[in-house]
Amino acid sequence: MKILFIESDNLKEYNCSNWRCAIPMRALRRAGHDAHMIRIEEWDKRTETAIKLTQAADIIFVQRNLFNETLGEVFYWRAKGKVVVADVDDSYKDMTEETGSPSYAYWIKGKIKEGDKEYILSPTPQEMLTFGAKLCGSLSSPSELICEDWKKIVRTYWFPNYLDLSLYKRNTNFRHDPGAIHIGWGGSMTHLVSWIASGAAEAVSQLINENPRIKFVHVGDPRCERLFKIPAKNRLCGVWIPQPSFGAKLSSFDIGLIPLSGEYDRRRSWIKTAEYSVMGIPWIGTDMEPTRSVDTGLRVKNTAEDWYKALKLYTENIEAFQDAAAANIEASKERFDIDLHTDELVTLFEKIIKEAK
């Protein structure tokens, strides 16, 4: 099968394109399929390479940015009989200003800046995405809820986020301070409301202030650090780490956290649960869709009290929970290793092609 992925992330924000385009492309190639990936700008300009790859492709996945010139390309290639799929991994309709996402102003309000001037796009990118998805006729997502949301207007297909296990090697050189327990999390500013509304930030702060041997490891947007009222010596906060290096950083986590809150978070994928599971890291997460399909950790209600009780239980019995997590590693690898699921993906692609015609 010949598959073409059209990626849209720029280098500064490169993350979703890795999950939705690069990782599947490499795995499909390893499995012997003819898979390629090009930039959306190249596709829009109809470069020689873009035309050649699109003409040859049996199926084309366009990552989320379905507006402006890209809409014209979708229309052009659909008219030529090509199967084009809109791939969406964020629930833009549920994105609110309080989520902290810098994309809210763009996707929902249509605000863009050029120099010192601000403009309002009409229609908004969210409205153009809706039109573009209808034009494609097919939409894929790693969230089953997003698929459910969109199926009223377009055919939808669950295309899970699987892991490239070569990126999740435990760093055996990492050493804790004697007796320390590291509670860890990594993520962007879009999780700000997740921490506050879930009660997890309050619970983490309370526990660490009671027990100075517990440290909080934060890898991601430094603005999230202000949520934790704990001594500086108990914070091990780093900058944003590229996804290929993130797996090794997880080696410093004794316990992984997954705070979630609201409709936007309900539509995230299982990435964090999958990553913790294949690394053998005991995890605690909000009882919501992204954690419900993975039974390797503890799900809690969103109150500071419930989060605190769970954290205290884990830290007081850390060795037992680590042993249980280690026992789940092999089964988790079988479930989330993309190289073990390429046949399923190809079957999914064949279904999309059949139903598009």
Protein backbone atom coordinates (compact mmCIF):
# COMPACT_ATOMS: atom_id res chain seq x y z
CA MET A 1 0.00 0.00 0.00
CA LYS A 2 1.12 3.56 -0.76
CA ILE A 3 0.45 6.07 2.00
CA LEU A 4 1.19 9.79 2.08
CA PHE A 5 1.17 11.89 5.26
CA ILE A 6 0.97 15.69 4.99
CA GLU A 7 2.50 17.19 8.16
CA SER A 8 1.76 20.70 9.42
CA ASP A 9 3.67 21.35 12.69
CA ASN A 10 6.48 23.86 12.53
CA LEU A 11 9.80 23.01 14.18
CA LYS A 12 9.07 25.08 17.29
CA GLU A 13 5.89 23.15 18.09
CA TYR A 14 6.84 19.83 16.47
CA ASN A 15 4.95 17.17 18.38
CA CYS A 16 1.60 16.26 16.82
CA SER A 17 3.20 15.76 13.40
CA ASN A 18 5.56 13.30 15.01
CA TRP A 19 2.70 11.24 16.48
CA ARG A 20 0.33 11.49 13.55
CA CYS A 21 2.75 11.40 10.60
CA ALA A 22 6.40 10.59 11.31
CA ILE A 23 6.01 7.66 13.71
CA PRO A 24 3.37 5.86 11.58
CA MET A 25 5.33 6.53 8.38
CA ARG A 26 8.54 5.01 9.72
CA ALA A 27 6.73 1.98 11.13
CA LEU A 28 4.87 1.36 7.88
CA ARG A 29 8.16 1.55 5.98
CA ARG A 30 9.72 -0.95 8.34
CA ALA A 31 6.78 -3.23 7.59
CA GLY A 32 7.48 -2.99 3.87
CA HIS A 33 4.88 -0.43 2.83
CA ASP A 34 5.49 2.54 0.55
CA ALA A 35 4.91 5.39 3.04
CA HIS A 36 6.01 9.00 2.65
CA MET A 37 5.67 12.32 4.42
CA ILE A 38 5.89 15.88 3.09
CA ARG A 39 5.33 19.37 4.44
CA ILE A 40 1.90 20.90 3.91
CA GLU A 41 3.52 23.96 2.30
CA GLU A 42 5.14 21.71 -0.29
CA TRP A 43 1.83 20.01 -1.00
CA ASP A 44 0.09 23.37 -1.38
CA LYS A 45 2.70 24.55 -3.90
CA ARG A 46 2.39 21.36 -5.96
CA THR A 47 6.10 20.79 -6.17
CA GLU A 48 7.31 18.05 -8.45
CA THR A 49 7.83 15.75 -5.47
CA ALA A 50 4.40 16.55 -4.03
CA ILE A 51 2.64 15.80 -7.31
CA LYS A 52 4.55 12.57 -7.82
CA LEU A 53 3.83 11.28 -4.30
CA THR A 54 0.17 12.30 -4.37
CA GLN A 55 -0.45 10.72 -7.76
CA ALA A 56 1.03 7.45 -6.52
CA ALA A 57 -0.69 7.39 -3.12
CA ASP A 58 -3.61 5.09 -2.35
CA ILE A 59 -4.53 7.23 0.67
CA ILE A 60 -3.49 10.70 1.84
CA PHE A 61 -3.69 11.97 5.44
CA VAL A 62 -3.69 15.77 5.86
CA GLN A 63 -2.86 16.84 9.37
CA ARG A 64 -5.47 19.32 10.68
CA ASN A 65 -4.54 22.55 8.80
CA LEU A 66 -7.35 22.37 6.28
CA PHE A 67 -7.64 25.97 5.18
CA ASN A 68 -6.50 28.45 2.54
CA GLU A 69 -4.47 26.82 -0.27
CA THR A 70 -4.81 23.38 1.29
CA LEU A 71 -8.55 23.38 0.70
CA GLY A 72 -7.90 23.94 -2.98
CA GLU A 73 -5.52 20.98 -3.05
CA VAL A 74 -8.03 18.75 -1.29
CA PHE A 75 -10.70 19.72 -3.83
CA TYR A 76 -8.29 19.17 -6.74
CA TRP A 77 -7.12 15.71 -5.68
CA ARG A 78 -10.56 14.56 -4.56
CA ALA A 79 -11.85 15.50 -8.02
CA LYS A 80 -9.16 13.23 -9.44
CA GLY A 81 -10.46 10.34 -7.35
CA LYS A 82 -7.89 10.41 -4.55
CA VAL A 83 -8.83 9.36 -1.02
CA VAL A 84 -7.95 12.25 1.31
CA VAL A 85 -8.41 12.01 5.10
CA ALA A 86 -8.53 14.94 7.51
CA ASP A 87 -6.51 13.95 10.59
CA VAL A 88 -7.55 15.81 13.75
CA ASP A 89 -6.04 15.18 17.18
CA ASP A 90 -7.38 18.22 19.07
CA SER A 91 -10.97 19.08 19.96
CA TYR A 92 -10.96 22.67 18.78
CA LYS A 93 -14.66 23.15 19.51
CA ASP A 94 -13.90 22.47 23.19
CA MET A 95 -10.82 24.69 23.32
CA THR A 96 -11.47 27.62 25.65
CA GLU A 97 -9.35 30.52 26.75
CA GLU A 98 -8.90 29.00 30.19
CA THR A 99 -7.18 25.92 28.75
CA GLY A 100 -4.15 28.17 28.31
CA SER A 101 -3.69 27.08 24.74
CA PRO A 102 -1.98 29.73 22.62
CA SER A 103 -3.91 28.24 19.69
CA TYR A 104 -7.29 29.33 21.06
CA ALA A 105 -7.07 32.87 19.70
CA TYR A 106 -6.19 31.51 16.25
CA TRP A 107 -8.51 28.53 15.88
CA ILE A 108 -11.60 29.86 17.62
CA LYS A 109 -11.31 33.64 17.34
CA GLY A 110 -9.43 33.73 14.04
CA LYS A 111 -6.85 36.19 15.37
CA ILE A 112 -3.49 36.50 13.62
CA LYS A 113 -0.67 39.00 13.98
CA GLU A 114 1.59 40.36 11.30
CA GLY A 115 4.14 42.68 12.81
CA ASP A 116 2.30 45.18 15.02
CA LYS A 117 -1.04 44.60 13.32
CA GLU A 118 -3.75 42.14 14.30
CA TYR A 119 -6.29 40.70 11.88
CA ILE A 120 -9.43 38.61 12.25
CA LEU A 121 -9.89 35.71 9.84
CA SER A 122 -13.36 35.07 8.53
CA PRO A 123 -14.26 32.27 8.36
CA THR A 124 -12.19 31.17 11.36
CA PRO A 125 -9.72 28.27 11.05
CA GLN A 126 -12.15 26.08 13.01
CA GLU A 127 -14.90 26.84 10.50
CA MET A 128 -12.54 26.16 7.59
CA LEU A 129 -11.50 22.87 9.19
CA THR A 130 -15.14 21.83 9.32
CA PHE A 131 -15.58 22.66 5.64
CA GLY A 132 -12.32 20.89 4.78
CA ALA A 133 -13.31 17.74 6.66
CA LYS A 134 -16.58 17.63 4.70
CA LEU A 135 -14.59 18.08 1.50
CA CYS A 136 -12.37 15.14 2.40
CA GLY A 137 -15.33 13.01 3.39
CA SER A 138 -13.23 11.07 5.91
CA LEU A 139 -11.68 12.07 9.24
CA SER A 140 -9.28 10.18 11.51
CA SER A 141 -8.37 10.86 15.13
CA PRO A 142 -6.57 9.21 18.05
CA SER A 143 -9.56 10.12 20.25
CA GLU A 144 -12.70 8.00 20.01
CA LEU A 145 -14.70 10.91 21.43
CA ILE A 146 -13.45 13.24 18.67
CA CYS A 147 -14.55 10.61 16.16
CA GLU A 148 -17.95 10.52 17.84
CA ASP A 149 -18.21 14.32 17.68
CA TRP A 150 -17.41 14.52 13.98
CA LYS A 151 -19.36 11.53 12.71
CA LYS A 152 -22.50 13.66 12.41
CA ILE A 153 -20.98 15.40 9.40
CA VAL A 154 -18.26 13.08 8.06
CA ARG A 155 -17.13 9.43 8.15
CA THR A 156 -14.79 9.00 11.11
CA TYR A 157 -12.08 6.45 11.92
CA TRP A 158 -10.19 5.79 15.13
CA PHE A 159 -6.46 5.89 14.32
CA PRO A 160 -4.67 5.36 17.67
CA ASN A 161 -1.40 6.91 18.75
CA TYR A 162 1.06 4.04 19.02
CA LEU A 163 4.60 4.30 20.38
CA ASP A 164 7.96 3.90 18.73
CA LEU A 165 9.51 1.81 21.50
CA SER A 166 13.04 2.63 20.38
CA LEU A 167 12.42 6.05 22.00
CA TYR A 168 11.57 4.57 25.39
CA LYS A 169 14.82 3.16 26.67
CA ARG A 170 15.40 3.50 30.40
CA ASN A 171 18.40 5.65 31.26
CA THR A 172 20.34 3.42 33.65
CA ASN A 173 22.77 6.24 34.50
CA PHE A 174 20.08 8.23 36.29
CA ARG A 175 20.40 8.23 40.09
CA HIS A 176 18.07 9.63 42.77
CA ASP A 177 19.19 11.30 45.95
CA PRO A 178 19.08 8.59 48.64
CA GLY A 179 15.52 8.12 49.86
CA ALA A 180 13.96 10.58 47.43
CA ILE A 181 10.73 9.88 45.53
CA HIS A 182 10.16 11.69 42.25
CA ILE A 183 6.62 12.50 41.19
CA GLY A 184 6.74 13.47 37.51
CA TRP A 185 4.77 15.04 34.70
CA GLY A 186 5.51 16.63 31.35
CA GLY A 187 3.34 18.80 29.18
CA SER A 188 2.36 22.14 27.72
CA MET A 189 0.48 25.19 28.96
CA THR A 190 -2.73 23.62 27.63
CA HIS A 191 -2.72 21.50 30.81
CA LEU A 192 -2.91 24.51 33.13
CA VAL A 193 -6.62 24.10 33.82
CA SER A 194 -6.08 20.33 34.16
CA TRP A 195 -3.87 20.84 37.18
CA ILE A 196 -6.00 23.48 38.84
CA ALA A 197 -9.52 22.11 38.27
CA SER A 198 -8.58 18.51 39.06
CA GLY A 199 -7.19 19.36 42.48
CA ALA A 200 -3.91 17.63 41.60
CA ALA A 201 -1.73 20.76 42.01
CA GLU A 202 -3.11 21.36 45.50
CA ALA A 203 -2.63 17.69 46.45
CA VAL A 204 0.97 17.56 45.17
CA SER A 205 1.82 20.75 47.07
CA GLN A 206 0.29 19.44 50.30
CA LEU A 207 2.07 16.11 50.12
CA ILE A 208 5.50 17.57 49.35
CA ASN A 209 5.23 20.15 52.12
CA GLU A 210 4.49 17.30 54.52
CA ASN A 211 7.26 15.06 53.22
CA PRO A 212 10.45 16.84 52.05
CA ARG A 213 11.93 13.65 50.57
CA ILE A 214 9.34 13.86 47.76
CA LYS A 215 10.30 15.95 44.75
CA PHE A 216 8.25 17.11 41.80
CA VAL A 217 9.81 16.62 38.35
CA HIS A 218 8.29 18.87 35.69
CA VAL A 219 9.30 18.70 32.04
CA GLY A 220 7.52 21.17 29.82
CA ASP A 221 6.13 24.67 29.85
CA PRO A 222 7.80 26.53 32.76
CA ARG A 223 4.65 28.58 33.35
CA CYS A 224 3.04 25.52 34.92
CA GLU A 225 5.66 25.61 37.69
CA ARG A 226 3.89 28.48 39.47
CA LEU A 227 0.99 26.18 40.32
CA PHE A 228 3.00 24.35 42.97
CA LYS A 229 3.47 25.95 46.38
CA ILE A 230 6.54 23.95 47.33
CA PRO A 231 10.15 24.76 48.23
CA ALA A 232 12.52 25.34 45.32
CA LYS A 233 14.69 22.41 46.46
CA ASN A 234 11.73 20.08 45.89
CA ARG A 235 11.22 21.16 42.28
CA LEU A 236 13.20 19.59 39.48
CA CYS A 237 11.87 21.58 36.56
CA GLY A 238 13.28 21.39 33.06
CA VAL A 239 12.52 23.01 29.74
CA TRP A 240 10.49 21.54 26.91
CA ILE A 241 12.19 18.40 25.59
CA PRO A 242 11.79 17.11 22.02
CA GLN A 243 9.70 13.96 21.90
CA PRO A 244 12.58 11.71 20.73
CA SER A 245 14.40 12.57 23.99
CA PHE A 246 11.37 12.57 26.25
CA GLY A 247 11.25 8.82 26.81
CA ALA A 248 14.70 8.76 28.41
CA LYS A 249 13.69 11.64 30.70
CA LEU A 250 10.85 9.52 32.04
CA SER A 251 13.54 7.41 33.72
CA SER A 252 13.65 10.03 36.47
CA PHE A 253 9.97 9.48 37.36
CA ASP A 254 9.03 7.16 40.23
CA ILE A 255 5.35 8.04 39.84
CA GLY A 256 3.72 9.57 36.76
CA LEU A 257 0.69 11.84 36.93
CA ILE A 258 -2.14 12.45 34.45
CA PRO A 259 -4.40 15.26 35.70
CA LEU A 260 -7.35 15.97 33.39
CA SER A 261 -10.38 18.23 33.51
CA GLY A 262 -13.18 19.28 31.19
CA GLU A 263 -14.41 18.39 27.72
CA TYR A 264 -11.14 19.33 26.00
CA ASP A 265 -9.12 16.92 28.16
CA ARG A 266 -11.69 14.15 27.69
CA ARG A 267 -10.67 14.17 24.04
CA ARG A 268 -6.93 13.72 24.54
CA SER A 269 -5.39 10.41 23.53
CA TRP A 270 -3.84 7.71 25.71
CA ILE A 271 -0.24 8.89 25.15
CA LYS A 272 0.69 9.50 28.80
CA THR A 273 -0.82 6.25 30.04
CA ALA A 274 0.95 4.37 27.25
CA GLU A 275 4.31 6.02 27.93
CA TYR A 276 4.21 5.37 31.67
CA SER A 277 3.07 1.79 31.10
CA VAL A 278 5.85 0.76 28.70
CA MET A 279 8.43 2.40 30.99
CA GLY A 280 7.13 0.56 34.06
CA ILE A 281 6.19 3.77 35.88
CA PRO A 282 3.30 3.60 38.37
CA TRP A 283 0.76 6.27 37.43
CA ILE A 284 -2.20 8.12 38.89
CA GLY A 285 -4.68 9.81 36.59
CA THR A 286 -8.07 11.47 36.51
CA ASP A 287 -10.89 9.01 35.82
CA MET A 288 -11.60 10.15 32.25
CA GLU A 289 -11.50 8.65 28.77
CA PRO A 290 -7.71 8.98 28.16
CA THR A 291 -7.00 6.77 31.20
CA ARG A 292 -10.02 4.45 31.16
CA SER A 293 -8.83 2.20 28.37
CA VAL A 294 -5.51 1.43 30.10
CA ASP A 295 -5.65 -0.60 33.32
CA THR A 296 -2.06 -0.26 34.50
CA GLY A 297 -2.53 2.58 37.00
CA LEU A 298 -4.92 4.19 39.46
CA ARG A 299 -7.79 6.43 38.36
CA VAL A 300 -9.14 9.01 40.80
CA LYS A 301 -11.97 11.51 41.09
CA ASN A 302 -11.11 15.16 40.61
CA THR A 303 -10.90 16.45 44.15
CA ALA A 304 -7.78 17.56 46.00
CA GLU A 305 -8.65 15.04 48.72
CA ASP A 306 -8.83 12.08 46.34
CA TRP A 307 -5.62 13.08 44.61
CA TYR A 308 -3.88 13.48 47.97
CA LYS A 309 -5.03 10.06 49.20
CA ALA A 310 -3.81 8.41 46.00
CA LEU A 311 -0.44 10.16 46.11
CA LYS A 312 0.04 9.25 49.76
CA LEU A 313 -0.87 5.62 49.06
CA TYR A 314 1.65 5.43 46.22
CA THR A 315 4.51 7.17 48.02
CA GLU A 316 4.07 5.08 51.17
CA ASN A 317 4.04 1.86 49.15
CA ILE A 318 6.30 2.87 46.28
CA GLU A 319 8.19 -0.42 45.95
CA ALA A 320 5.02 -2.49 45.69
CA PHE A 321 3.57 -0.19 43.00
CA GLN A 322 6.87 -0.19 41.10
CA ASP A 323 6.90 -3.98 41.13
CA ALA A 324 3.32 -4.07 39.80
CA ALA A 325 4.17 -1.56 37.06
CA ALA A 326 7.25 -3.58 36.07
CA ALA A 327 5.09 -6.70 35.78
CA ASN A 328 2.90 -4.87 33.22
CA ILE A 329 5.73 -3.73 30.95
CA GLU A 330 5.72 -6.58 28.44
CA ALA A 331 1.94 -6.61 28.04
CA SER A 332 2.00 -2.82 27.62
CA LYS A 333 4.68 -3.04 24.96
CA GLU A 334 2.57 -5.54 23.03
CA ARG A 335 -0.38 -3.19 23.21
CA PHE A 336 1.34 0.07 22.30
CA ASP A 337 4.31 -0.86 20.09
CA ILE A 338 3.46 0.51 16.65
CA ASP A 339 5.55 -2.15 14.94
CA LEU A 340 3.09 -4.74 16.26
CA HIS A 341 0.09 -2.86 14.87
CA THR A 342 1.03 -1.94 11.31
CA ASP A 343 -1.19 -4.71 9.90
CA GLU A 344 -4.13 -3.23 11.82
CA LEU A 345 -3.36 0.22 10.44
CA VAL A 346 -3.22 -1.08 6.90
CA THR A 347 -6.55 -2.84 7.43
CA LEU A 348 -7.97 0.47 8.68
CA PHE A 349 -6.60 2.30 5.64
CA GLU A 350 -8.12 -0.29 3.31
CA LYS A 351 -11.48 0.21 5.02
CA ILE A 352 -11.26 4.00 4.59
CA ILE A 353 -10.42 3.60 0.90
CA LYS A 354 -13.28 1.16 0.32
CA GLU A 355 -15.85 3.36 2.09
CA ALA A 356 -14.65 6.52 0.33
CA LYS A 357 -15.50 5.13 -3.10
